Amino acid sequence: MAPLLSFLLLLLHLSTATSAATCHPSDRAALLSFRAALTDPSSRVFSTWTGADCCKSWSGVSCDPTTGRVADLSLRSGVEESSSDPSLSSSSRTAPSGELLLSGPLSPSLCSLPRLTSLILADWKRLSGPIPACLPSSLPLLRHLDLVGNALSGPLPSDIGRLSSLTVLKLADNLLTGPIPASLSSLLDLRHLDLTNNLLTGPVPPDLGSLRMLARALLSKNRLSGPLPRSVAKMDRLADLDLSSNALSGGIPSQYGTMLVLSTLNLDRNRLSGPVPPTLLSSRGLGILNLSRNALSGPIPDVFGERSYFMMLDLSYNGLTGRVPTTIPKAAYIGHLDLSHNHLCGPIPAGSPFDHLEASSFAANDCLCGAPLPKPCRQ
């Protein structure tokens, strides 16, 4: 009797494991509906999407082996990528490379994949239409959303903050319009935000600083306006902030220079005014600081010291006045320095880094003199 019972238990275990590994019918239907909305000129992107089991050999589809539910949909044009979760099984995670440009809209059927944790549909150039409005309310487990490099249009879902598990949000290089939703500041687990190169308008959310886990905030090449949010200074894990090529105005908060982890700050090509905060130039952590092509005024703070280490410092195309700071040679390192197209006067200090800079770094000022400029200073 005992051997028979053991045999029956083994059969039950195998049956359970087999059913868990099989694609859920509703997930399969949702994937087929997603595919039906798209045009695949090569007939190769979805060539493996055959058979009843979408968890087996469907390119770009990964399932949770314990539930059999689709957990990852990853189709990136011509770029290989492996899952960050080794527990997810998939025979192939990318579409074939080459001139394979999927086109068409993102079907709302994606919202019928309730166990989805990663959605990557990147660099297809011709995926168009809006981001399905149902995503935030339908995908509570979504951690990674990457729709970079398409032709998506329309606004960001106003309730995007409902994606409470999201850690990566990458929507760069699309045609998205409208404001950044206020609910974005509810994504408290977000680590990486990239909205670069869209047509977004309105202000940077004033409470962006609520995203205390954020390490990278990339919002350049949009049409954002209004002031720089002071709340950003509260983001003690933020290492990279890029707000360049917008229409932001007002002053630069001095608190930005007190952020311990911030290493890259790009604010170039805006309408910022007022002085350069001394805290930015004396910061211990900033290595790349680009404030070029704004309307900054006043002298360059003479606060450089042994803690100053800039791989790049660009203050060009502003309205800065006064002399080149004499403390710059005290900096631990300055690789690239550009002070051109301002209203600076007086002699250029001697020594490093000036001895390896070209004249273009100081061009088009009012009355600078000395090497590397061809104009000597009067004795």
Protein backbone atom coordinates (compact mmCIF):
# COMPACT_ATOMS: atom_id res chain seq x y z
CA MET A 1 0.00 0.00 0.00
CA ALA A 2 2.86 2.39 0.86
CA PRO A 3 4.58 2.02 -2.57
CA LEU A 4 1.25 2.69 -4.32
CA LEU A 5 0.68 5.82 -2.22
CA SER A 6 4.18 7.07 -3.02
CA PHE A 7 3.58 6.45 -6.71
CA LEU A 8 0.30 8.38 -6.65
CA LEU A 9 1.96 11.29 -4.83
CA LEU A 10 4.71 11.34 -7.47
CA LEU A 11 2.15 11.46 -10.27
CA LEU A 12 0.35 14.33 -8.51
CA HIS A 13 3.64 16.24 -8.15
CA LEU A 14 4.51 15.74 -11.82
CA SER A 15 1.03 16.81 -12.88
CA THR A 16 1.25 19.98 -10.79
CA ALA A 17 4.72 20.82 -12.12
CA THR A 18 3.60 20.24 -15.70
CA SER A 19 0.52 22.44 -15.33
CA ALA A 20 2.57 25.21 -13.69
CA ALA A 21 5.00 25.23 -16.59
CA THR A 22 2.27 25.55 -19.21
CA CYS A 23 1.24 28.94 -20.54
CA HIS A 24 -1.98 30.24 -19.06
CA PRO A 25 -4.68 30.44 -21.79
CA SER A 26 -5.55 34.06 -21.04
CA ASP A 27 -1.87 35.05 -21.23
CA ARG A 28 -1.53 33.31 -24.59
CA ALA A 29 -4.62 35.09 -25.88
CA ALA A 30 -3.28 38.45 -24.71
CA LEU A 31 0.06 37.88 -26.44
CA LEU A 32 -1.62 36.86 -29.69
CA SER A 33 -3.81 39.96 -29.56
CA PHE A 34 -0.69 42.10 -28.99
CA ARG A 35 0.96 40.46 -32.00
CA ALA A 36 -2.13 40.87 -34.20
CA ALA A 37 -2.04 44.67 -33.77
CA LEU A 38 1.51 44.89 -35.17
CA THR A 39 3.01 44.59 -38.63
CA ASP A 40 6.12 42.45 -38.95
CA PRO A 41 7.58 42.96 -42.46
CA SER A 42 10.22 40.28 -41.93
CA SER A 43 7.80 37.64 -40.61
CA ARG A 44 10.64 36.65 -38.29
CA VAL A 45 10.07 38.57 -35.07
CA PHE A 46 7.13 36.38 -34.10
CA SER A 47 8.17 33.29 -36.05
CA THR A 48 8.52 31.27 -32.84
CA TRP A 49 5.13 32.26 -31.50
CA THR A 50 3.45 28.99 -32.42
CA GLY A 51 1.95 26.19 -30.42
CA ALA A 52 -0.22 26.24 -27.34
CA ASP A 53 2.54 26.83 -24.79
CA CYS A 54 3.76 30.44 -24.88
CA CYS A 55 6.22 29.62 -22.08
CA LYS A 56 8.12 27.29 -24.39
CA SER A 57 10.27 28.73 -27.18
CA TRP A 58 8.27 31.94 -27.76
CA SER A 59 10.97 34.51 -28.45
CA GLY A 60 11.04 37.30 -25.88
CA VAL A 61 8.53 35.64 -23.56
CA SER A 62 9.53 34.40 -20.12
CA CYS A 63 7.29 32.71 -17.61
CA ASP A 64 7.50 32.19 -13.90
CA PRO A 65 8.19 28.45 -13.59
CA THR A 66 6.14 28.15 -10.41
CA THR A 67 2.95 29.71 -11.79
CA GLY A 68 3.22 29.33 -15.55
CA ARG A 69 2.17 32.97 -15.92
CA VAL A 70 3.96 35.35 -18.30
CA ALA A 71 6.37 37.45 -16.25
CA ASP A 72 8.57 39.07 -18.89
CA LEU A 73 7.96 40.33 -22.43
CA SER A 74 11.20 41.58 -23.96
CA LEU A 75 11.51 42.46 -27.66
CA ARG A 76 14.38 44.81 -28.41
CA SER A 77 15.35 45.55 -32.00
CA GLY A 78 18.61 43.81 -32.81
CA VAL A 79 20.07 43.90 -29.28
CA GLU A 80 20.64 40.85 -27.17
CA GLU A 81 19.60 41.06 -23.58
CA SER A 82 19.37 38.50 -20.83
CA SER A 83 16.93 38.53 -17.97
CA SER A 84 18.06 39.96 -14.66
CA ASP A 85 16.01 37.23 -13.00
CA PRO A 86 17.66 33.80 -13.53
CA SER A 87 14.54 32.03 -12.26
CA LEU A 88 12.63 33.05 -15.38
CA SER A 89 12.83 30.58 -18.22
CA SER A 90 13.04 31.54 -21.91
CA SER A 91 14.65 30.04 -24.98
CA SER A 92 15.16 33.39 -26.70
CA ARG A 93 14.84 36.90 -25.39
CA THR A 94 15.36 39.10 -28.42
CA ALA A 95 14.13 39.56 -31.94
CA PRO A 96 16.52 38.81 -34.80
CA SER A 97 18.76 41.70 -35.77
CA GLY A 98 18.71 43.64 -39.02
CA GLU A 99 16.12 45.77 -40.80
CA LEU A 100 13.26 44.35 -38.75
CA LEU A 101 11.07 47.25 -37.77
CA LEU A 102 7.80 46.34 -36.12
CA SER A 103 5.11 48.93 -36.64
CA GLY A 104 1.69 49.59 -35.24
CA PRO A 105 0.12 50.45 -31.89
CA LEU A 106 0.63 48.91 -28.48
CA SER A 107 -2.46 46.83 -27.91
CA PRO A 108 -4.36 47.26 -24.62
CA SER A 109 -4.25 43.46 -24.47
CA LEU A 110 -0.89 43.94 -22.69
CA CYS A 111 -3.01 44.89 -19.70
CA SER A 112 -4.31 41.31 -19.64
CA LEU A 113 -0.94 39.99 -18.43
CA PRO A 114 -1.50 40.61 -14.70
CA ARG A 115 1.69 38.87 -13.53
CA LEU A 116 4.00 40.85 -15.82
CA THR A 117 7.09 42.17 -14.05
CA SER A 118 9.11 43.38 -17.06
CA LEU A 119 7.92 44.95 -20.32
CA ILE A 120 10.63 45.87 -22.82
CA LEU A 121 9.63 46.94 -26.35
CA ALA A 122 12.56 49.10 -27.36
CA ASP A 123 14.19 50.65 -30.42
CA TRP A 124 11.63 49.64 -33.05
CA LYS A 125 11.23 53.24 -34.30
CA ARG A 126 7.74 52.60 -35.67
CA LEU A 127 5.75 51.43 -32.68
CA SER A 128 3.21 54.23 -32.45
CA GLY A 129 0.10 55.50 -30.73
CA PRO A 130 -0.39 56.10 -27.02
CA ILE A 131 0.86 54.13 -24.06
CA PRO A 132 -2.17 52.02 -23.13
CA ALA A 133 -4.02 53.90 -20.39
CA CYS A 134 -4.87 50.64 -18.65
CA LEU A 135 -1.26 49.74 -17.80
CA PRO A 136 -1.03 51.41 -14.36
CA SER A 137 -4.23 49.83 -13.06
CA SER A 138 -3.63 46.40 -14.57
CA LEU A 139 0.03 45.55 -13.95
CA PRO A 140 0.62 45.87 -10.20
CA LEU A 141 3.79 43.74 -10.28
CA LEU A 142 5.53 45.63 -13.09
CA ARG A 143 9.09 46.55 -12.08
CA HIS A 144 10.75 47.38 -15.42
CA LEU A 145 9.08 49.38 -18.21
CA ASP A 146 11.27 50.18 -21.22
CA LEU A 147 9.64 51.63 -24.35
CA VAL A 148 12.68 53.60 -25.54
CA GLY A 149 13.25 54.45 -29.19
CA ASN A 150 9.80 54.23 -30.71
CA ALA A 151 7.24 56.71 -32.05
CA LEU A 152 4.82 56.61 -29.14
CA SER A 153 2.69 59.73 -28.79
CA GLY A 154 0.13 61.26 -26.49
CA PRO A 155 0.44 61.88 -22.76
CA LEU A 156 1.90 59.75 -20.04
CA PRO A 157 -0.88 57.93 -18.16
CA SER A 158 -2.07 60.33 -15.48
CA ASP A 159 -2.18 57.54 -12.89
CA ILE A 160 1.29 56.18 -13.66
CA GLY A 161 1.98 56.43 -9.94
CA ARG A 162 -0.16 53.31 -9.46
CA LEU A 163 2.74 51.22 -10.79
CA SER A 164 3.99 51.06 -7.23
CA SER A 165 6.52 48.26 -7.86
CA LEU A 166 8.29 50.11 -10.68
CA THR A 167 12.07 50.49 -10.35
CA VAL A 168 12.96 51.35 -13.98
CA LEU A 169 10.95 53.69 -16.22
CA LYS A 170 12.54 54.36 -19.61
CA LEU A 171 10.45 56.20 -22.21
CA ALA A 172 13.18 58.18 -23.99
CA ASP A 173 13.25 58.97 -27.71
CA ASN A 174 9.54 59.01 -28.41
CA LEU A 175 6.96 61.70 -29.25
CA LEU A 176 5.23 61.88 -25.88
CA THR A 177 3.44 65.14 -25.06
CA GLY A 178 1.79 66.89 -22.16
CA PRO A 179 2.96 67.34 -18.59
CA ILE A 180 4.82 64.91 -16.37
CA PRO A 181 2.00 63.54 -14.19
CA ALA A 182 2.06 64.56 -10.55
CA SER A 183 1.48 60.91 -9.62
CA LEU A 184 5.00 60.09 -10.86
CA SER A 185 6.23 61.22 -7.46
CA SER A 186 4.40 58.25 -5.93
CA LEU A 187 6.82 55.74 -7.50
CA LEU A 188 8.80 55.43 -4.30
CA ASP A 189 10.85 52.42 -5.44
CA LEU A 190 11.97 54.03 -8.71
CA ARG A 191 15.72 53.85 -9.33
CA HIS A 192 16.04 54.91 -12.98
CA LEU A 193 13.90 57.52 -14.77
CA ASP A 194 14.57 58.37 -18.42
CA LEU A 195 12.15 60.65 -20.32
CA THR A 196 14.83 62.13 -22.59
CA ASN A 197 14.01 63.48 -26.04
CA ASN A 198 10.25 63.77 -26.04
CA LEU A 199 7.86 66.73 -26.31
CA LEU A 200 6.90 66.97 -22.65
CA THR A 201 5.75 70.35 -21.33
CA GLY A 202 5.02 72.01 -18.02
CA PRO A 203 7.12 72.00 -14.87
CA VAL A 204 9.41 69.40 -13.42
CA PRO A 205 7.23 67.95 -10.61
CA PRO A 206 7.98 70.11 -7.55
CA ASP A 207 7.95 67.04 -5.29
CA LEU A 208 10.31 65.01 -7.45
CA GLY A 209 12.46 64.81 -4.35
CA SER A 210 9.97 62.32 -2.91
CA LEU A 211 11.69 59.68 -5.06
CA ARG A 212 14.39 59.02 -2.47
CA MET A 213 15.57 55.79 -4.15
CA LEU A 214 16.20 57.43 -7.52
CA ALA A 215 19.78 57.23 -8.82
CA ARG A 216 19.33 58.67 -12.33
CA ALA A 217 16.84 61.33 -13.49
CA LEU A 218 17.18 62.03 -17.20
CA LEU A 219 14.69 64.62 -18.49
CA SER A 220 16.70 66.43 -21.17
CA LYS A 221 15.56 67.48 -24.64
CA ASN A 222 11.94 68.25 -23.80
CA ARG A 223 9.98 71.48 -23.46
CA LEU A 224 9.85 71.65 -19.68
CA SER A 225 9.53 75.08 -18.09
CA GLY A 226 9.42 76.71 -14.70
CA PRO A 227 11.90 76.55 -11.83
CA LEU A 228 14.30 73.84 -10.78
CA PRO A 229 12.62 71.93 -7.92
CA ARG A 230 14.36 72.49 -4.60
CA SER A 231 13.11 69.11 -3.36
CA VAL A 232 15.74 67.41 -5.55
CA ALA A 233 18.33 68.24 -2.88
CA LYS A 234 16.63 65.69 -0.59
CA MET A 235 17.45 62.82 -2.97
CA ASP A 236 20.42 61.32 -1.16
CA ARG A 237 20.92 58.53 -3.76
CA LEU A 238 20.73 60.66 -6.89
CA ALA A 239 23.98 60.45 -8.86
CA ASP A 240 22.96 61.74 -12.30
CA LEU A 241 20.58 64.65 -12.97
CA ASP A 242 20.11 65.82 -16.57
CA LEU A 243 17.63 68.63 -17.21
CA SER A 244 19.45 70.09 -20.21
CA SER A 245 17.84 71.40 -23.39
CA ASN A 246 14.57 72.55 -21.89
CA ALA A 247 13.14 75.99 -21.08
CA LEU A 248 13.71 75.98 -17.33
CA SER A 249 14.10 79.38 -15.66
CA GLY A 250 14.99 81.00 -12.37
CA GLY A 251 18.02 80.38 -10.20
CA ILE A 252 19.99 77.26 -9.42
CA PRO A 253 19.27 76.11 -5.85
CA SER A 254 22.46 76.24 -3.81
CA GLN A 255 21.37 73.03 -2.07
CA TYR A 256 22.25 71.08 -5.22
CA GLY A 257 25.89 71.53 -4.29
CA THR A 258 25.41 69.80 -0.94
CA MET A 259 24.13 66.50 -2.38
CA LEU A 260 26.62 63.84 -1.30
CA VAL A 261 26.14 61.36 -4.15
CA LEU A 262 25.45 63.68 -7.09
CA SER A 263 28.29 63.30 -9.59
CA THR A 264 26.77 64.58 -12.85
CA LEU A 265 24.66 67.73 -13.18
CA ASN A 266 23.66 68.87 -16.67
CA LEU A 267 21.57 72.06 -16.74
CA ASP A 268 22.84 73.45 -20.05
CA ARG A 269 20.65 75.00 -22.74
CA ASN A 270 17.95 76.41 -20.50
CA ARG A 271 16.97 79.93 -19.38
CA LEU A 272 18.51 79.84 -15.92
CA SER A 273 19.61 83.13 -14.41
CA GLY A 274 21.33 84.52 -11.33
CA PRO A 275 24.72 83.55 -9.93
CA VAL A 276 26.61 80.28 -10.02
CA PRO A 277 26.15 78.82 -6.52
CA PRO A 278 29.56 78.51 -4.79
CA THR A 279 28.47 75.13 -3.39
CA LEU A 280 28.53 73.62 -6.88
CA LEU A 281 32.18 74.52 -7.44
CA SER A 282 33.33 73.46 -3.98
CA SER A 283 31.31 70.22 -4.00
CA ARG A 284 33.20 67.10 -2.99
CA GLY A 285 31.31 64.77 -5.34
CA LEU A 286 30.46 66.64 -8.55
CA GLY A 287 32.63 65.47 -11.43
CA ILE A 288 30.64 66.74 -14.41
CA LEU A 289 28.99 70.16 -14.22
CA ASN A 290 27.50 71.73 -17.35
CA LEU A 291 25.77 75.09 -16.95
CA SER A 292 26.47 76.38 -20.46
CA ARG A 293 24.07 78.34 -22.65
CA ASN A 294 21.98 79.94 -19.93
CA ALA A 295 21.73 83.52 -18.63
CA LEU A 296 23.87 83.18 -15.52
CA SER A 297 25.53 86.37 -14.27
CA GLY A 298 27.97 87.67 -11.71
CA PRO A 299 31.48 86.43 -10.97
CA ILE A 300 32.63 82.83 -10.97
CA PRO A 301 32.98 81.93 -7.27
CA ASP A 302 36.63 81.68 -6.30
CA VAL A 303 36.16 78.60 -4.11
CA PHE A 304 38.16 75.83 -5.77
CA GLY A 305 40.26 73.64 -3.53
CA GLU A 306 41.71 70.18 -2.98
CA ARG A 307 38.22 68.64 -2.99
CA SER A 308 37.40 70.03 -6.45
CA TYR A 309 37.67 67.26 -9.05
CA PHE A 310 35.98 68.01 -12.36
CA MET A 311 36.25 65.81 -15.40
CA MET A 312 34.23 68.52 -17.13
CA LEU A 313 33.29 72.04 -16.05
CA ASP A 314 31.43 74.05 -18.68
CA LEU A 315 30.23 77.60 -17.90
CA SER A 316 30.34 78.86 -21.50
CA TYR A 317 27.74 81.06 -23.21
CA ASN A 318 26.50 82.90 -20.13
CA GLY A 319 26.87 86.47 -18.83
CA LEU A 320 29.55 85.84 -16.23
CA THR A 321 31.78 88.77 -15.27
CA GLY A 322 34.96 89.40 -13.32
CA ARG A 323 38.18 87.42 -13.39
CA VAL A 324 39.05 83.78 -13.91
CA PRO A 325 39.22 82.37 -10.35
CA THR A 326 42.78 82.27 -9.03
CA THR A 327 42.00 79.17 -6.93
CA ILE A 328 41.39 76.94 -9.97
CA PRO A 329 45.02 75.69 -9.90
CA LYS A 330 44.35 74.42 -6.37
CA ALA A 331 41.76 71.95 -7.68
CA ALA A 332 42.73 68.29 -7.46
CA TYR A 333 41.86 67.88 -11.14
CA ILE A 334 40.05 69.70 -13.93
CA GLY A 335 40.04 67.85 -17.24
CA HIS A 336 37.85 69.95 -19.54
CA LEU A 337 37.19 73.61 -18.69
CA ASP A 338 35.17 75.96 -20.90
CA LEU A 339 34.68 79.61 -19.89
CA SER A 340 34.21 80.95 -23.41
CA HIS A 341 31.53 83.43 -24.52
CA ASN A 342 31.16 85.34 -21.26
CA HIS A 343 32.29 88.81 -20.10
CA LEU A 344 35.42 87.82 -18.18
CA CYS A 345 38.43 90.13 -17.90
CA GLY A 346 41.99 90.07 -16.66
CA PRO A 347 44.86 87.60 -16.84
CA ILE A 348 44.40 83.85 -17.15
CA PRO A 349 46.18 82.23 -14.17
CA ALA A 350 49.27 80.13 -14.80
CA GLY A 351 49.74 76.45 -14.05
CA SER A 352 47.43 73.47 -14.24
CA PRO A 353 44.87 73.09 -15.75
CA PHE A 354 45.53 76.16 -17.89
CA ASP A 355 48.73 74.74 -19.33
CA HIS A 356 46.83 72.00 -21.16
CA LEU A 357 43.80 74.01 -22.29
CA GLU A 358 43.31 75.52 -25.71
CA ALA A 359 42.43 79.12 -26.53
CA SER A 360 38.87 78.06 -27.42
CA SER A 361 38.23 77.52 -23.70
CA PHE A 362 38.50 81.29 -23.16
CA ALA A 363 37.37 82.70 -26.51
CA ALA A 364 34.85 85.53 -26.93
CA ASN A 365 35.25 87.19 -23.54
CA ASP A 366 35.56 90.93 -23.00
CA CYS A 367 39.20 91.37 -22.05
CA LEU A 368 40.95 88.16 -21.03
CA CYS A 369 44.67 87.99 -21.71
CA GLY A 370 47.58 85.63 -21.36
CA ALA A 371 48.26 82.06 -22.48
CA PRO A 372 46.72 80.15 -24.07
CA LEU A 373 45.15 83.22 -25.72
CA PRO A 374 47.32 84.98 -28.30
CA LYS A 375 46.72 88.31 -26.54
CA PRO A 376 49.48 89.02 -23.98
CA CYS A 377 48.74 90.87 -20.78
CA ARG A 378 50.11 94.38 -20.39
CA GLN A 379 52.79 94.71 -17.76
